[in-house]
């Protein structure tokens, strides 16, 4: 199985908000629930990839991510680090949002 889980947006009361560690952690929980409901049998094979934004790499968020994905994490401050400007992170932007 290959694919991308749909983009998730950060909103409160129908207004876009700034991402912080607490909001990111909430969205991770929503994301995990979606994975469990739709892809439970594949979860042991899934990798989690994210950029190195400060809220994404807070201690509590990385602890949550590592608890759920183990060493299958590609992010700053993890076993599998990718550079912030790696071209490997760009294709999802192009294919999700267009050129």
PDB file of N, CA and C in Angstrom:
ATOM      1  N   UNK A   1       0.840  -1.176   0.000  1.00  0.00           N
ATOM      2  CA  UNK A   1       0.000   0.000   0.000  1.00  0.00           C
ATOM      3  C   UNK A   1       0.884   1.236   0.000  1.00  0.00           C
ATOM      4  N   UNK A   2       0.571   2.187  -0.858  1.00  0.00           N
ATOM      5  CA  UNK A   2       1.274   3.457  -0.915  1.00  0.00           C
ATOM      6  C   UNK A   2       0.244   4.560  -0.963  1.00  0.00           C
ATOM      7  N   UNK A   3       0.620   5.731  -0.473  1.00  0.00           N
ATOM      8  CA  UNK A   3      -0.307   6.841  -0.555  1.00  0.00           C
ATOM      9  C   UNK A   3       0.013   7.925   0.443  1.00  0.00           C
ATOM     10  N   UNK A   4      -0.818   8.933   0.420  1.00  0.00           N
ATOM     11  CA  UNK A   4      -0.700  10.072   1.310  1.00  0.00           C
ATOM     12  C   UNK A   4      -2.037  10.240   2.014  1.00  0.00           C
ATOM     13  N   UNK A   5      -2.001  10.415   3.315  1.00  0.00           N
ATOM     14  CA  UNK A   5      -3.235  10.703   4.045  1.00  0.00           C
ATOM     15  C   UNK A   5      -3.576  12.156   3.769  1.00  0.00           C
ATOM     16  N   UNK A   6      -4.833  12.453   3.609  1.00  0.00           N
ATOM     17  CA  UNK A   6      -5.288  13.798   3.246  1.00  0.00           C
ATOM     18  C   UNK A   6      -4.685  14.865   4.153  1.00  0.00           C
ATOM     19  N   UNK A   7      -4.483  16.061   3.622  1.00  0.00           N
ATOM     20  CA  UNK A   7      -3.943  17.145   4.447  1.00  0.00           C
ATOM     21  C   UNK A   7      -4.896  17.479   5.595  1.00  0.00           C
ATOM     22  N   UNK A   8      -4.319  17.871   6.705  1.00  0.00           N
ATOM     23  CA  UNK A   8      -5.092  18.277   7.873  1.00  0.00           C
ATOM     24  C   UNK A   8      -4.859  19.760   8.107  1.00  0.00           C
ATOM     25  N   UNK A   9      -5.891  20.489   8.454  1.00  0.00           N
ATOM     26  CA  UNK A   9      -5.781  21.934   8.628  1.00  0.00           C
ATOM     27  C   UNK A   9      -5.990  22.310  10.086  1.00  0.00           C
ATOM     28  N   UNK A  10      -5.334  23.359  10.508  1.00  0.00           N
ATOM     29  CA  UNK A  10      -5.401  23.829  11.880  1.00  0.00           C
ATOM     30  C   UNK A  10      -6.368  25.006  11.958  1.00  0.00           C
ATOM     31  N   UNK A  11      -7.544  24.743  12.511  1.00  0.00           N
ATOM     32  CA  UNK A  11      -8.563  25.783  12.636  1.00  0.00           C
ATOM     33  C   UNK A  11      -9.226  25.687  13.996  1.00  0.00           C
ATOM     34  N   UNK A  12      -9.642  26.828  14.493  1.00  0.00           N
ATOM     35  CA  UNK A  12     -10.448  26.894  15.699  1.00  0.00           C
ATOM     36  C   UNK A  12     -11.562  27.885  15.428  1.00  0.00           C
ATOM     37  N   UNK A  13     -12.765  27.465  15.678  1.00  0.00           N
ATOM     38  CA  UNK A  13     -13.941  28.291  15.419  1.00  0.00           C
ATOM     39  C   UNK A  13     -13.932  28.835  13.993  1.00  0.00           C
ATOM     40  N   UNK A  14     -13.602  27.917  13.057  1.00  0.00           N
ATOM     41  CA  UNK A  14     -13.604  28.196  11.624  1.00  0.00           C
ATOM     42  C   UNK A  14     -12.594  29.266  11.198  1.00  0.00           C
ATOM     43  N   UNK A  15     -11.568  29.494  12.016  1.00  0.00           N
ATOM     44  CA  UNK A  15     -10.506  30.428  11.657  1.00  0.00           C
ATOM     45  C   UNK A  15      -9.175  29.704  11.731  1.00  0.00           C
ATOM     46  N   UNK A  16      -8.323  29.989  10.764  1.00  0.00           N
ATOM     47  CA  UNK A  16      -6.995  29.400  10.748  1.00  0.00           C
ATOM     48  C   UNK A  16      -6.192  29.924  11.929  1.00  0.00           C
ATOM     49  N   UNK A  17      -5.425  29.041  12.550  1.00  0.00           N
ATOM     50  CA  UNK A  17      -4.623  29.430  13.711  1.00  0.00           C
ATOM     51  C   UNK A  17      -3.165  29.046  13.504  1.00  0.00           C
ATOM     52  N   UNK A  18      -2.305  29.654  14.278  1.00  0.00           N
ATOM     53  CA  UNK A  18      -0.879  29.340  14.252  1.00  0.00           C
ATOM     54  C   UNK A  18      -0.660  27.974  14.884  1.00  0.00           C
ATOM     55  N   UNK A  19       0.235  27.223  14.313  1.00  0.00           N
ATOM     56  CA  UNK A  19       0.543  25.894  14.845  1.00  0.00           C
ATOM     57  C   UNK A  19       1.507  26.043  16.012  1.00  0.00           C
ATOM     58  N   UNK A  20       1.159  25.429  17.128  1.00  0.00           N
ATOM     59  CA  UNK A  20       2.078  25.312  18.249  1.00  0.00           C
ATOM     60  C   UNK A  20       2.110  23.839  18.644  1.00  0.00           C
ATOM     61  N   UNK A  21       2.941  23.494  19.603  1.00  0.00           N
ATOM     62  CA  UNK A  21       3.103  22.085  19.971  1.00  0.00           C
ATOM     63  C   UNK A  21       1.796  21.467  20.459  1.00  0.00           C
ATOM     64  N   UNK A  22       1.014  22.200  21.244  1.00  0.00           N
ATOM     65  CA  UNK A  22      -0.246  21.650  21.764  1.00  0.00           C
ATOM     66  C   UNK A  22      -1.247  21.381  20.643  1.00  0.00           C
ATOM     67  N   UNK A  23      -1.367  22.310  19.709  1.00  0.00           N
ATOM     68  CA  UNK A  23      -2.288  22.111  18.580  1.00  0.00           C
ATOM     69  C   UNK A  23      -1.803  20.979  17.684  1.00  0.00           C
ATOM     70  N   UNK A  24      -0.505  20.900  17.483  1.00  0.00           N
ATOM     71  CA  UNK A  24       0.033  19.834  16.647  1.00  0.00           C
ATOM     72  C   UNK A  24      -0.216  18.472  17.285  1.00  0.00           C
ATOM     73  N   UNK A  25      -0.066  18.393  18.582  1.00  0.00           N
ATOM     74  CA  UNK A  25      -0.322  17.140  19.283  1.00  0.00           C
ATOM     75  C   UNK A  25      -1.785  16.716  19.132  1.00  0.00           C
ATOM     76  N   UNK A  26      -2.691  17.660  19.184  1.00  0.00           N
ATOM     77  CA  UNK A  26      -4.122  17.353  18.991  1.00  0.00           C
ATOM     78  C   UNK A  26      -4.369  16.806  17.582  1.00  0.00           C
ATOM     79  N   UNK A  27      -3.735  17.418  16.599  1.00  0.00           N
ATOM     80  CA  UNK A  27      -3.955  16.969  15.226  1.00  0.00           C
ATOM     81  C   UNK A  27      -3.308  15.605  15.003  1.00  0.00           C
ATOM     82  N   UNK A  28      -2.199  15.329  15.687  1.00  0.00           N
ATOM     83  CA  UNK A  28      -1.598  14.006  15.602  1.00  0.00           C
ATOM     84  C   UNK A  28      -2.557  12.941  16.116  1.00  0.00           C
ATOM     85  N   UNK A  29      -3.278  13.257  17.169  1.00  0.00           N
ATOM     86  CA  UNK A  29      -4.244  12.304  17.720  1.00  0.00           C
ATOM     87  C   UNK A  29      -5.388  12.055  16.743  1.00  0.00           C
ATOM     88  N   UNK A  30      -5.851  13.095  16.071  1.00  0.00           N
ATOM     89  CA  UNK A  30      -6.882  12.938  15.036  1.00  0.00           C
ATOM     90  C   UNK A  30      -6.337  12.093  13.886  1.00  0.00           C
ATOM     91  N   UNK A  31      -5.119  12.394  13.487  1.00  0.00           N
ATOM     92  CA  UNK A  31      -4.455  11.667  12.414  1.00  0.00           C
ATOM     93  C   UNK A  31      -4.330  10.185  12.770  1.00  0.00           C
ATOM     94  N   UNK A  32      -3.900   9.880  13.988  1.00  0.00           N
ATOM     95  CA  UNK A  32      -3.727   8.488  14.413  1.00  0.00           C
ATOM     96  C   UNK A  32      -5.065   7.756  14.433  1.00  0.00           C
ATOM     97  N   UNK A  33      -6.096   8.421  14.891  1.00  0.00           N
ATOM     98  CA  UNK A  33      -7.424   7.799  14.915  1.00  0.00           C
ATOM     99  C   UNK A  33      -7.854   7.427  13.500  1.00  0.00           C
ATOM    100  N   UNK A  34      -7.596   8.309  12.551  1.00  0.00           N
ATOM    101  CA  UNK A  34      -7.917   8.045  11.138  1.00  0.00           C
ATOM    102  C   UNK A  34      -7.142   6.827  10.632  1.00  0.00           C
ATOM    103  N   UNK A  35      -5.867   6.761  10.986  1.00  0.00           N
ATOM    104  CA  UNK A  35      -5.060   5.613  10.566  1.00  0.00           C
ATOM    105  C   UNK A  35      -5.582   4.321  11.171  1.00  0.00           C
ATOM    106  N   UNK A  36      -5.909   4.349  12.449  1.00  0.00           N
ATOM    107  CA  UNK A  36      -6.416   3.139  13.103  1.00  0.00           C
ATOM    108  C   UNK A  36      -7.730   2.670  12.493  1.00  0.00           C
ATOM    109  N   UNK A  37      -8.591   3.605  12.156  1.00  0.00           N
ATOM    110  CA  UNK A  37      -9.897   3.253  11.600  1.00  0.00           C
ATOM    111  C   UNK A  37      -9.798   2.699  10.182  1.00  0.00           C
ATOM    112  N   UNK A  38      -8.858   3.221   9.404  1.00  0.00           N
ATOM    113  CA  UNK A  38      -8.821   2.878   7.988  1.00  0.00           C
ATOM    114  C   UNK A  38      -7.645   2.008   7.543  1.00  0.00           C
ATOM    115  N   UNK A  39      -6.583   1.967   8.351  1.00  0.00           N
ATOM    116  CA  UNK A  39      -5.367   1.270   7.905  1.00  0.00           C
ATOM    117  C   UNK A  39      -4.730   0.427   9.006  1.00  0.00           C
ATOM    118  N   UNK A  40      -5.512  -0.033   9.943  1.00  0.00           N
ATOM    119  CA  UNK A  40      -4.978  -0.732  11.117  1.00  0.00           C
ATOM    120  C   UNK A  40      -3.974  -1.828  10.745  1.00  0.00           C
ATOM    121  N   UNK A  41      -4.292  -2.628   9.756  1.00  0.00           N
ATOM    122  CA  UNK A  41      -3.418  -3.760   9.396  1.00  0.00           C
ATOM    123  C   UNK A  41      -2.072  -3.309   8.824  1.00  0.00           C
ATOM    124  N   UNK A  42      -2.006  -2.082   8.309  1.00  0.00           N
ATOM    125  CA  UNK A  42      -0.767  -1.582   7.709  1.00  0.00           C
ATOM    126  C   UNK A  42       0.089  -0.769   8.684  1.00  0.00           C
ATOM    127  N   UNK A  43      -0.457  -0.392   9.824  1.00  0.00           N
ATOM    128  CA  UNK A  43       0.252   0.499  10.747  1.00  0.00           C
ATOM    129  C   UNK A  43       1.675   0.054  11.089  1.00  0.00           C
ATOM    130  N   UNK A  44       1.929  -1.235  11.302  1.00  0.00           N
ATOM    131  CA  UNK A  44       3.311  -1.632  11.628  1.00  0.00           C
ATOM    132  C   UNK A  44       4.320  -1.357  10.505  1.00  0.00           C
ATOM    133  N   UNK A  45       3.828  -1.100   9.297  1.00  0.00           N
ATOM    134  CA  UNK A  45       4.715  -0.839   8.162  1.00  0.00           C
ATOM    135  C   UNK A  45       4.800   0.644   7.805  1.00  0.00           C
ATOM    136  N   UNK A  46       3.920   1.461   8.354  1.00  0.00           N
ATOM    137  CA  UNK A  46       3.874   2.881   8.001  1.00  0.00           C
ATOM    138  C   UNK A  46       5.063   3.642   8.564  1.00  0.00           C
ATOM    139  N   UNK A  47       5.547   4.575   7.770  1.00  0.00           N
ATOM    140  CA  UNK A  47       6.568   5.522   8.198  1.00  0.00           C
ATOM    141  C   UNK A  47       5.902   6.878   8.351  1.00  0.00           C
ATOM    142  N   UNK A  48       6.421   7.687   9.269  1.00  0.00           N
ATOM    143  CA  UNK A  48       5.901   9.033   9.493  1.00  0.00           C
ATOM    144  C   UNK A  48       6.970  10.028   9.067  1.00  0.00           C
ATOM    145  N   UNK A  49       6.606  10.948   8.186  1.00  0.00           N
ATOM    146  CA  UNK A  49       7.534  11.955   7.665  1.00  0.00           C
ATOM    147  C   UNK A  49       6.981  13.344   7.954  1.00  0.00           C
ATOM    148  N   UNK A  50       7.842  14.222   8.443  1.00  0.00           N
ATOM    149  CA  UNK A  50       7.434  15.606   8.675  1.00  0.00           C
ATOM    150  C   UNK A  50       8.639  16.514   8.500  1.00  0.00           C
ATOM    151  N   UNK A  51       8.363  17.805   8.347  1.00  0.00           N
ATOM    152  CA  UNK A  51       9.474  18.749   8.254  1.00  0.00           C
ATOM    153  C   UNK A  51       9.993  19.046   9.661  1.00  0.00           C
ATOM    154  N   UNK A  52      10.938  19.941   9.758  1.00  0.00           N
ATOM    155  CA  UNK A  52      11.569  20.212  11.041  1.00  0.00           C
ATOM    156  C   UNK A  52      11.036  21.431  11.758  1.00  0.00           C
ATOM    157  N   UNK A  53       9.794  21.811  11.486  1.00  0.00           N
ATOM    158  CA  UNK A  53       9.221  22.983  12.160  1.00  0.00           C
ATOM    159  C   UNK A  53       9.281  22.795  13.680  1.00  0.00           C
ATOM    160  N   UNK A  54       9.524  23.868  14.385  1.00  0.00           N
ATOM    161  CA  UNK A  54       9.692  23.805  15.839  1.00  0.00           C
ATOM    162  C   UNK A  54       8.535  23.110  16.554  1.00  0.00           C
ATOM    163  N   UNK A  55       7.264  23.403  16.245  1.00  0.00           N
ATOM    164  CA  UNK A  55       6.183  22.679  16.939  1.00  0.00           C
ATOM    165  C   UNK A  55       6.213  21.175  16.668  1.00  0.00           C
ATOM    166  N   UNK A  56       6.646  20.784  15.486  1.00  0.00           N
ATOM    167  CA  UNK A  56       6.690  19.366  15.125  1.00  0.00           C
ATOM    168  C   UNK A  56       7.764  18.618  15.900  1.00  0.00           C
ATOM    169  N   UNK A  57       8.807  19.322  16.281  1.00  0.00           N
ATOM    170  CA  UNK A  57       9.939  18.659  16.917  1.00  0.00           C
ATOM    171  C   UNK A  57      10.063  18.997  18.401  1.00  0.00           C
ATOM    172  N   UNK A  58       8.977  19.442  18.996  1.00  0.00           N
ATOM    173  CA  UNK A  58       8.991  19.648  20.449  1.00  0.00           C
ATOM    174  C   UNK A  58       9.146  18.279  21.109  1.00  0.00           C
ATOM    175  N   UNK A  59       9.658  18.265  22.309  1.00  0.00           N
ATOM    176  CA  UNK A  59       9.876  16.992  23.003  1.00  0.00           C
ATOM    177  C   UNK A  59       8.591  16.181  23.121  1.00  0.00           C
ATOM    178  N   UNK A  60       7.496  16.839  23.517  1.00  0.00           N
ATOM    179  CA  UNK A  60       6.258  16.069  23.713  1.00  0.00           C
ATOM    180  C   UNK A  60       5.695  15.531  22.402  1.00  0.00           C
ATOM    181  N   UNK A  61       5.851  16.279  21.302  1.00  0.00           N
ATOM    182  CA  UNK A  61       5.360  15.780  20.010  1.00  0.00           C
ATOM    183  C   UNK A  61       6.229  14.646  19.494  1.00  0.00           C
ATOM    184  N   UNK A  62       7.543  14.785  19.611  1.00  0.00           N
ATOM    185  CA  UNK A  62       8.416  13.697  19.159  1.00  0.00           C
ATOM    186  C   UNK A  62       8.229  12.451  20.016  1.00  0.00           C
ATOM    187  N   UNK A  63       8.006  12.629  21.304  1.00  0.00           N
ATOM    188  CA  UNK A  63       7.732  11.466  22.160  1.00  0.00           C
ATOM    189  C   UNK A  63       6.474  10.749  21.689  1.00  0.00           C
ATOM    190  N   UNK A  64       5.431  11.514  21.374  1.00  0.00           N
ATOM    191  CA  UNK A  64       4.169  10.926  20.898  1.00  0.00           C
ATOM    192  C   UNK A  64       4.408  10.178  19.588  1.00  0.00           C
ATOM    193  N   UNK A  65       5.095  10.830  18.654  1.00  0.00           N
ATOM    194  CA  UNK A  65       5.340  10.232  17.332  1.00  0.00           C
ATOM    195  C   UNK A  65       6.154   8.948  17.461  1.00  0.00           C
ATOM    196  N   UNK A  66       7.227   9.001  18.245  1.00  0.00           N
ATOM    197  CA  UNK A  66       8.075   7.814  18.418  1.00  0.00           C
ATOM    198  C   UNK A  66       7.318   6.696  19.135  1.00  0.00           C
ATOM    199  N   UNK A  67       6.436   7.048  20.041  1.00  0.00           N
ATOM    200  CA  UNK A  67       5.621   6.048  20.731  1.00  0.00           C
ATOM    201  C   UNK A  67       4.692   5.321  19.761  1.00  0.00           C
ATOM    202  N   UNK A  68       4.205   6.029  18.761  1.00  0.00           N
ATOM    203  CA  UNK A  68       3.270   5.438  17.810  1.00  0.00           C
ATOM    204  C   UNK A  68       3.944   4.817  16.584  1.00  0.00           C
ATOM    205  N   UNK A  69       5.090   5.358  16.174  1.00  0.00           N
ATOM    206  CA  UNK A  69       5.745   4.875  14.953  1.00  0.00           C
ATOM    207  C   UNK A  69       7.116   4.241  15.208  1.00  0.00           C
ATOM    208  N   UNK A  70       7.563   4.236  16.429  1.00  0.00           N
ATOM    209  CA  UNK A  70       8.860   3.647  16.748  1.00  0.00           C
ATOM    210  C   UNK A  70       9.983   4.365  16.026  1.00  0.00           C
ATOM    211  N   UNK A  71      10.847   3.619  15.383  1.00  0.00           N
ATOM    212  CA  UNK A  71      11.978   4.216  14.667  1.00  0.00           C
ATOM    213  C   UNK A  71      11.622   4.552  13.221  1.00  0.00           C
ATOM    214  N   UNK A  72      10.360   4.374  12.835  1.00  0.00           N
ATOM    215  CA  UNK A  72       9.925   4.650  11.460  1.00  0.00           C
ATOM    216  C   UNK A  72       9.472   6.110  11.332  1.00  0.00           C
ATOM    217  N   UNK A  73      10.382   7.011  11.700  1.00  0.00           N
ATOM    218  CA  UNK A  73      10.094   8.447  11.687  1.00  0.00           C
ATOM    219  C   UNK A  73      11.201   9.157  10.922  1.00  0.00           C
ATOM    220  N   UNK A  74      10.808  10.007   9.987  1.00  0.00           N
ATOM    221  CA  UNK A  74      11.754  10.823   9.239  1.00  0.00           C
ATOM    222  C   UNK A  74      11.474  12.265   9.626  1.00  0.00           C
ATOM    223  N   UNK A  75      12.380  12.822  10.413  1.00  0.00           N
ATOM    224  CA  UNK A  75      12.183  14.173  10.935  1.00  0.00           C
ATOM    225  C   UNK A  75      13.472  14.660  11.573  1.00  0.00           C
ATOM    226  N   UNK A  76      13.534  15.942  11.811  1.00  0.00           N
ATOM    227  CA  UNK A  76      14.663  16.499  12.555  1.00  0.00           C
ATOM    228  C   UNK A  76      14.625  15.943  13.976  1.00  0.00           C
ATOM    229  N   UNK A  77      15.795  15.680  14.544  1.00  0.00           N
ATOM    230  CA  UNK A  77      15.940  15.163  15.903  1.00  0.00           C
ATOM    231  C   UNK A  77      15.465  13.720  16.043  1.00  0.00           C
ATOM    232  N   UNK A  78      15.515  12.958  14.970  1.00  0.00           N
ATOM    233  CA  UNK A  78      15.126  11.549  15.004  1.00  0.00           C
ATOM    234  C   UNK A  78      16.247  10.703  14.393  1.00  0.00           C
ATOM    235  N   UNK A  79      16.079   9.399  14.452  1.00  0.00           N
ATOM    236  CA  UNK A  79      17.097   8.495  13.901  1.00  0.00           C
ATOM    237  C   UNK A  79      17.317   8.719  12.410  1.00  0.00           C
ATOM    238  N   UNK A  80      16.254   9.041  11.686  1.00  0.00           N
ATOM    239  CA  UNK A  80      16.321   9.242  10.233  1.00  0.00           C
ATOM    240  C   UNK A  80      16.053  10.716   9.947  1.00  0.00           C
ATOM    241  N   UNK A  81      17.114  11.506   9.933  1.00  0.00           N
ATOM    242  CA  UNK A  81      16.960  12.946   9.695  1.00  0.00           C
ATOM    243  C   UNK A  81      17.034  13.265   8.214  1.00  0.00           C
ATOM    244  N   UNK A  82      16.184  14.173   7.799  1.00  0.00           N
ATOM    245  CA  UNK A  82      16.266  14.724   6.458  1.00  0.00           C
ATOM    246  C   UNK A  82      16.510  16.209   6.588  1.00  0.00           C
ATOM    247  N   UNK A  83      17.329  16.734   5.693  1.00  0.00           N
ATOM    248  CA  UNK A  83      17.615  18.162   5.720  1.00  0.00           C
ATOM    249  C   UNK A  83      16.335  18.959   5.504  1.00  0.00           C
ATOM    250  N   UNK A  84      16.282  20.126   6.119  1.00  0.00           N
ATOM    251  CA  UNK A  84      15.076  20.971   6.034  1.00  0.00           C
ATOM    252  C   UNK A  84      14.705  21.317   4.599  1.00  0.00           C
ATOM    253  N   UNK A  85      15.681  21.468   3.715  1.00  0.00           N
ATOM    254  CA  UNK A  85      15.405  21.857   2.333  1.00  0.00           C
ATOM    255  C   UNK A  85      15.608  20.705   1.364  1.00  0.00           C
ATOM    256  N   UNK A  86      15.463  19.494   1.848  1.00  0.00           N
ATOM    257  CA  UNK A  86      15.658  18.327   1.009  1.00  0.00           C
ATOM    258  C   UNK A  86      14.616  18.298  -0.104  1.00  0.00           C
ATOM    259  N   UNK A  87      15.041  18.065  -1.348  1.00  0.00           N
ATOM    260  CA  UNK A  87      14.066  17.972  -2.435  1.00  0.00           C
ATOM    261  C   UNK A  87      13.117  16.782  -2.249  1.00  0.00           C
ATOM    262  N   UNK A  88      13.501  15.818  -1.422  1.00  0.00           N
ATOM    263  CA  UNK A  88      12.626  14.671  -1.176  1.00  0.00           C
ATOM    264  C   UNK A  88      11.364  15.051  -0.422  1.00  0.00           C
ATOM    265  N   UNK A  89      11.373  16.209   0.236  1.00  0.00           N
ATOM    266  CA  UNK A  89      10.185  16.651   0.957  1.00  0.00           C
ATOM    267  C   UNK A  89       9.259  17.492   0.081  1.00  0.00           C
ATOM    268  N   UNK A  90       9.727  17.914  -1.073  1.00  0.00           N
ATOM    269  CA  UNK A  90       8.956  18.808  -1.926  1.00  0.00           C
ATOM    270  C   UNK A  90       7.855  18.144  -2.750  1.00  0.00           C
ATOM    271  N   UNK A  91       8.027  16.910  -3.248  1.00  0.00           N
ATOM    272  CA  UNK A  91       6.981  16.325  -4.093  1.00  0.00           C
ATOM    273  C   UNK A  91       5.582  16.326  -3.478  1.00  0.00           C
ATOM    274  N   UNK A  92       5.407  16.072  -2.171  1.00  0.00           N
ATOM    275  CA  UNK A  92       4.043  16.133  -1.642  1.00  0.00           C
ATOM    276  C   UNK A  92       3.420  17.511  -1.815  1.00  0.00           C
ATOM    277  N   UNK A  93       4.219  18.568  -1.647  1.00  0.00           N
ATOM    278  CA  UNK A  93       3.678  19.926  -1.849  1.00  0.00           C
ATOM    279  C   UNK A  93       3.205  20.092  -3.283  1.00  0.00           C
ATOM    280  N   UNK A  94       4.009  19.644  -4.230  1.00  0.00           N
ATOM    281  CA  UNK A  94       3.656  19.820  -5.639  1.00  0.00           C
ATOM    282  C   UNK A  94       2.398  19.031  -5.986  1.00  0.00           C
ATOM    283  N   UNK A  95       2.335  17.777  -5.582  1.00  0.00           N
ATOM    284  CA  UNK A  95       1.222  16.947  -5.982  1.00  0.00           C
ATOM    285  C   UNK A  95      -0.055  17.223  -5.221  1.00  0.00           C
ATOM    286  N   UNK A  96       0.047  17.737  -3.998  1.00  0.00           N
ATOM    287  CA  UNK A  96      -1.168  18.069  -3.249  1.00  0.00           C
ATOM    288  C   UNK A  96      -1.747  19.408  -3.664  1.00  0.00           C
ATOM    289  N   UNK A  97      -0.878  20.375  -3.921  1.00  0.00           N
ATOM    290  CA  UNK A  97      -1.360  21.738  -4.155  1.00  0.00           C
ATOM    291  C   UNK A  97      -1.247  22.191  -5.607  1.00  0.00           C
ATOM    292  N   UNK A  98      -0.553  21.457  -6.436  1.00  0.00           N
ATOM    293  CA  UNK A  98      -0.407  21.846  -7.831  1.00  0.00           C
ATOM    294  C   UNK A  98       0.751  22.804  -8.004  1.00  0.00           C
ATOM    295  N   UNK A  99       1.033  23.140  -9.238  1.00  0.00           N
ATOM    296  CA  UNK A  99       2.193  24.017  -9.503  1.00  0.00           C
ATOM    297  C   UNK A  99       1.768  25.468  -9.599  1.00  0.00           C
TER     298      UNK A  99
END
